[in-house]
Amino acid sequence: MASDFETHLRAVSLRVTRPRLAVLAALRDHPHVDTDQVIALVRAGHPTVSHQAVYDVLRALTDAGLVRRIQPARATARYELRVGDNHHHVVCRSCGAIADVDCAVGHAPCLTASDNHGFVVDEAEVVYWGTCPGCATERTSQ
């Protein structure tokens, strides 16, 4: 019986390979990690997978739409498996922690461009910035 990952890879015409499965598993277990973290996670279980293989897999999975690459301002690129739902992110200014935020519901004026300049807009990206609970607690205890 094929795993969900294998099914998803085949659905986008990608071969099922050990590095691809390892990257998908790493992102399932650790959303919003950067490339170096993905490499470390993959190599912990598969030490023969090269750095270049992980870079290539991330690019292929992103191009195929199985992985989303996000890069908040002043931050390194991060990767996640949650794709296709136009969700947003909240980022801690102190430690860089990232969490998902579901798309705004009801009347959401920030998601409708005041002037689309002739573009057909099909997605909006919103990043909320602030301080995570851990960093806020640390600040108040200092």
C-alpha atoms as a PDB file:
ATOM      1  CA  MET A   1       0.000   0.000   0.000  1.00  0.00           C
ATOM      2  CA  ALA A   2       1.412   3.374  -1.041  1.00  0.00           C
ATOM      3  CA  SER A   3       1.892   6.087   1.566  1.00  0.00           C
ATOM      4  CA  ASP A   4       0.189   9.459   1.181  1.00  0.00           C
ATOM      5  CA  PHE A   5       3.567  10.938   0.235  1.00  0.00           C
ATOM      6  CA  GLU A   6       4.055   8.366  -2.507  1.00  0.00           C
ATOM      7  CA  THR A   7       0.562   9.056  -3.835  1.00  0.00           C
ATOM      8  CA  HIS A   8       1.183  12.820  -3.841  1.00  0.00           C
ATOM      9  CA  LEU A   9       4.518  12.434  -5.623  1.00  0.00           C
ATOM     10  CA  ARG A  10       3.002  10.235  -8.311  1.00  0.00           C
ATOM     11  CA  ALA A  11       0.042  12.612  -8.714  1.00  0.00           C
ATOM     12  CA  VAL A  12       2.437  15.387  -9.795  1.00  0.00           C
ATOM     13  CA  SER A  13       4.522  13.015 -11.959  1.00  0.00           C
ATOM     14  CA  LEU A  14       7.511  12.877  -9.619  1.00  0.00           C
ATOM     15  CA  ARG A  15       9.346   9.632  -8.962  1.00  0.00           C
ATOM     16  CA  VAL A  16       9.169   8.264  -5.458  1.00  0.00           C
ATOM     17  CA  THR A  17      12.710   8.454  -4.056  1.00  0.00           C
ATOM     18  CA  ARG A  18      14.179   8.088  -0.588  1.00  0.00           C
ATOM     19  CA  PRO A  19      15.360  11.750  -0.454  1.00  0.00           C
ATOM     20  CA  ARG A  20      11.926  13.040  -1.508  1.00  0.00           C
ATOM     21  CA  LEU A  21      10.158  10.908   1.080  1.00  0.00           C
ATOM     22  CA  ALA A  22      12.655  11.992   3.747  1.00  0.00           C
ATOM     23  CA  VAL A  23      12.182  15.699   2.966  1.00  0.00           C
ATOM     24  CA  LEU A  24       8.396  15.351   3.017  1.00  0.00           C
ATOM     25  CA  ALA A  25       8.553  13.530   6.358  1.00  0.00           C
ATOM     26  CA  ALA A  26      10.853  16.216   7.800  1.00  0.00           C
ATOM     27  CA  LEU A  27       8.445  18.970   6.735  1.00  0.00           C
ATOM     28  CA  ARG A  28       5.444  17.035   8.063  1.00  0.00           C
ATOM     29  CA  ASP A  29       7.090  16.768  11.482  1.00  0.00           C
ATOM     30  CA  HIS A  30       8.753  20.211  11.489  1.00  0.00           C
ATOM     31  CA  PRO A  31       6.809  22.885   9.577  1.00  0.00           C
ATOM     32  CA  HIS A  32       8.481  26.230   8.837  1.00  0.00           C
ATOM     33  CA  VAL A  33      12.075  24.968   8.877  1.00  0.00           C
ATOM     34  CA  ASP A  34      14.839  26.443   6.761  1.00  0.00           C
ATOM     35  CA  THR A  35      17.034  24.561   4.317  1.00  0.00           C
ATOM     36  CA  ASP A  36      19.802  23.857   6.836  1.00  0.00           C
ATOM     37  CA  GLN A  37      17.287  22.403   9.273  1.00  0.00           C
ATOM     38  CA  VAL A  38      15.762  20.230   6.532  1.00  0.00           C
ATOM     39  CA  ILE A  39      19.236  18.944   5.645  1.00  0.00           C
ATOM     40  CA  ALA A  40      19.973  18.099   9.295  1.00  0.00           C
ATOM     41  CA  LEU A  41      16.622  16.352   9.748  1.00  0.00           C
ATOM     42  CA  VAL A  42      17.000  14.313   6.555  1.00  0.00           C
ATOM     43  CA  ARG A  43      20.622  13.384   7.233  1.00  0.00           C
ATOM     44  CA  ALA A  44      19.788  12.277  10.789  1.00  0.00           C
ATOM     45  CA  GLY A  45      17.890   9.359   9.304  1.00  0.00           C
ATOM     46  CA  HIS A  46      19.644   9.100   5.949  1.00  0.00           C
ATOM     47  CA  PRO A  47      23.291  10.172   6.330  1.00  0.00           C
ATOM     48  CA  THR A  48      24.152   9.435   2.697  1.00  0.00           C
ATOM     49  CA  VAL A  49      21.698  12.013   1.306  1.00  0.00           C
ATOM     50  CA  SER A  50      23.775  14.968   0.095  1.00  0.00           C
ATOM     51  CA  HIS A  51      23.148  18.638   0.737  1.00  0.00           C
ATOM     52  CA  GLN A  52      22.658  19.144  -3.004  1.00  0.00           C
ATOM     53  CA  ALA A  53      20.048  16.377  -3.125  1.00  0.00           C
ATOM     54  CA  VAL A  54      18.018  18.128  -0.427  1.00  0.00           C
ATOM     55  CA  TYR A  55      18.260  21.461  -2.291  1.00  0.00           C
ATOM     56  CA  ASP A  56      17.140  19.726  -5.500  1.00  0.00           C
ATOM     57  CA  VAL A  57      14.269  17.954  -3.740  1.00  0.00           C
ATOM     58  CA  LEU A  58      13.031  21.178  -2.112  1.00  0.00           C
ATOM     59  CA  ARG A  59      13.073  22.924  -5.493  1.00  0.00           C
ATOM     60  CA  ALA A  60      11.264  20.042  -7.241  1.00  0.00           C
ATOM     61  CA  LEU A  61       8.631  19.746  -4.511  1.00  0.00           C
ATOM     62  CA  THR A  62       8.064  23.508  -4.474  1.00  0.00           C
ATOM     63  CA  ASP A  63       7.819  23.669  -8.273  1.00  0.00           C
ATOM     64  CA  ALA A  64       5.331  20.775  -8.213  1.00  0.00           C
ATOM     65  CA  GLY A  65       3.182  22.547  -5.602  1.00  0.00           C
ATOM     66  CA  LEU A  66       3.646  19.934  -2.869  1.00  0.00           C
ATOM     67  CA  VAL A  67       5.703  22.284  -0.695  1.00  0.00           C
ATOM     68  CA  ARG A  68       5.320  26.002  -0.050  1.00  0.00           C
ATOM     69  CA  ARG A  69       8.377  28.225   0.296  1.00  0.00           C
ATOM     70  CA  ILE A  70       7.854  31.267   2.478  1.00  0.00           C
ATOM     71  CA  GLN A  71      10.343  34.025   3.138  1.00  0.00           C
ATOM     72  CA  PRO A  72       9.242  36.755   5.521  1.00  0.00           C
ATOM     73  CA  ALA A  73      11.241  39.980   5.267  1.00  0.00           C
ATOM     74  CA  ARG A  74      14.663  39.793   6.915  1.00  0.00           C
ATOM     75  CA  ALA A  75      14.344  36.020   7.366  1.00  0.00           C
ATOM     76  CA  THR A  76      15.720  32.967   5.610  1.00  0.00           C
ATOM     77  CA  ALA A  77      13.402  30.961   3.407  1.00  0.00           C
ATOM     78  CA  ARG A  78      11.312  28.374   5.209  1.00  0.00           C
ATOM     79  CA  TYR A  79       9.316  25.423   3.907  1.00  0.00           C
ATOM     80  CA  GLU A  80       5.992  23.853   4.803  1.00  0.00           C
ATOM     81  CA  LEU A  81       3.593  21.227   3.503  1.00  0.00           C
ATOM     82  CA  ARG A  82       0.455  23.309   3.951  1.00  0.00           C
ATOM     83  CA  VAL A  83      -0.297  24.430   0.404  1.00  0.00           C
ATOM     84  CA  GLY A  84      -3.256  25.644  -1.587  1.00  0.00           C
ATOM     85  CA  ASP A  85      -5.290  27.327   1.125  1.00  0.00           C
ATOM     86  CA  ASN A  86      -3.849  30.867   1.071  1.00  0.00           C
ATOM     87  CA  HIS A  87      -3.135  30.839   4.816  1.00  0.00           C
ATOM     88  CA  HIS A  88      -0.824  33.404   6.365  1.00  0.00           C
ATOM     89  CA  HIS A  89       1.881  33.491   9.030  1.00  0.00           C
ATOM     90  CA  VAL A  90       2.761  35.205  12.283  1.00  0.00           C
ATOM     91  CA  VAL A  91       6.486  35.741  12.889  1.00  0.00           C
ATOM     92  CA  CYS A  92       8.253  36.526  16.168  1.00  0.00           C
ATOM     93  CA  ARG A  93      10.561  39.523  15.837  1.00  0.00           C
ATOM     94  CA  SER A  94      12.837  38.147  18.575  1.00  0.00           C
ATOM     95  CA  CYS A  95      13.407  34.452  17.885  1.00  0.00           C
ATOM     96  CA  GLY A  96      11.992  34.080  14.380  1.00  0.00           C
ATOM     97  CA  ALA A  97       9.369  31.476  15.337  1.00  0.00           C
ATOM     98  CA  ILE A  98       6.655  31.131  12.706  1.00  0.00           C
ATOM     99  CA  ALA A  99       3.091  29.891  13.096  1.00  0.00           C
ATOM    100  CA  ASP A 100       0.224  29.469  10.653  1.00  0.00           C
ATOM    101  CA  VAL A 101      -2.699  31.875  10.677  1.00  0.00           C
ATOM    102  CA  ASP A 102      -5.831  30.873   8.805  1.00  0.00           C
ATOM    103  CA  CYS A 103      -7.020  33.260   6.131  1.00  0.00           C
ATOM    104  CA  ALA A 104      -9.132  36.146   7.350  1.00  0.00           C
ATOM    105  CA  VAL A 105     -12.843  35.402   7.272  1.00  0.00           C
ATOM    106  CA  GLY A 106     -15.780  37.691   6.662  1.00  0.00           C
ATOM    107  CA  HIS A 107     -15.050  41.155   5.329  1.00  0.00           C
ATOM    108  CA  ALA A 108     -11.305  41.306   4.760  1.00  0.00           C
ATOM    109  CA  PRO A 109     -10.413  44.655   3.170  1.00  0.00           C
ATOM    110  CA  CYS A 110      -6.653  44.021   3.348  1.00  0.00           C
ATOM    111  CA  LEU A 111      -7.082  41.055   0.996  1.00  0.00           C
ATOM    112  CA  THR A 112      -8.703  43.148  -1.734  1.00  0.00           C
ATOM    113  CA  ALA A 113      -6.261  45.444  -3.531  1.00  0.00           C
ATOM    114  CA  SER A 114      -7.324  49.095  -3.535  1.00  0.00           C
ATOM    115  CA  ASP A 115      -5.857  49.348  -7.048  1.00  0.00           C
ATOM    116  CA  ASN A 116      -4.897  46.129  -8.810  1.00  0.00           C
ATOM    117  CA  HIS A 117      -3.194  48.028 -11.672  1.00  0.00           C
ATOM    118  CA  GLY A 118      -4.836  45.688 -14.173  1.00  0.00           C
ATOM    119  CA  PHE A 119      -3.551  42.525 -12.508  1.00  0.00           C
ATOM    120  CA  VAL A 120      -5.853  39.566 -12.013  1.00  0.00           C
ATOM    121  CA  VAL A 121      -5.204  38.973  -8.296  1.00  0.00           C
ATOM    122  CA  ASP A 122      -5.605  35.355  -7.210  1.00  0.00           C
ATOM    123  CA  GLU A 123      -3.763  35.316  -3.890  1.00  0.00           C
ATOM    124  CA  ALA A 124      -2.787  37.656  -1.071  1.00  0.00           C
ATOM    125  CA  GLU A 125       0.129  37.132   1.287  1.00  0.00           C
ATOM    126  CA  VAL A 126      -0.085  38.606   4.751  1.00  0.00           C
ATOM    127  CA  VAL A 127       2.626  38.348   7.403  1.00  0.00           C
ATOM    128  CA  TYR A 128       1.812  39.337  10.948  1.00  0.00           C
ATOM    129  CA  TRP A 129       4.806  40.414  13.055  1.00  0.00           C
ATOM    130  CA  GLY A 130       5.005  40.397  16.826  1.00  0.00           C
ATOM    131  CA  THR A 131       6.515  38.640  19.816  1.00  0.00           C
ATOM    132  CA  CYS A 132       5.829  34.974  20.538  1.00  0.00           C
ATOM    133  CA  PRO A 133       4.634  33.933  24.035  1.00  0.00           C
ATOM    134  CA  GLY A 134       8.059  32.533  24.980  1.00  0.00           C
ATOM    135  CA  CYS A 135       9.930  35.716  24.083  1.00  0.00           C
ATOM    136  CA  ALA A 136       7.253  37.922  25.697  1.00  0.00           C
ATOM    137  CA  THR A 137       7.563  35.953  28.962  1.00  0.00           C
ATOM    138  CA  GLU A 138      11.354  36.206  28.811  1.00  0.00           C
ATOM    139  CA  ARG A 139      11.180  39.992  28.348  1.00  0.00           C
ATOM    140  CA  THR A 140       8.852  40.492  31.314  1.00  0.00           C
ATOM    141  CA  SER A 141      10.998  38.318  33.587  1.00  0.00           C
ATOM    142  CA  GLN A 142      14.185  40.268  32.886  1.00  0.00           C
END
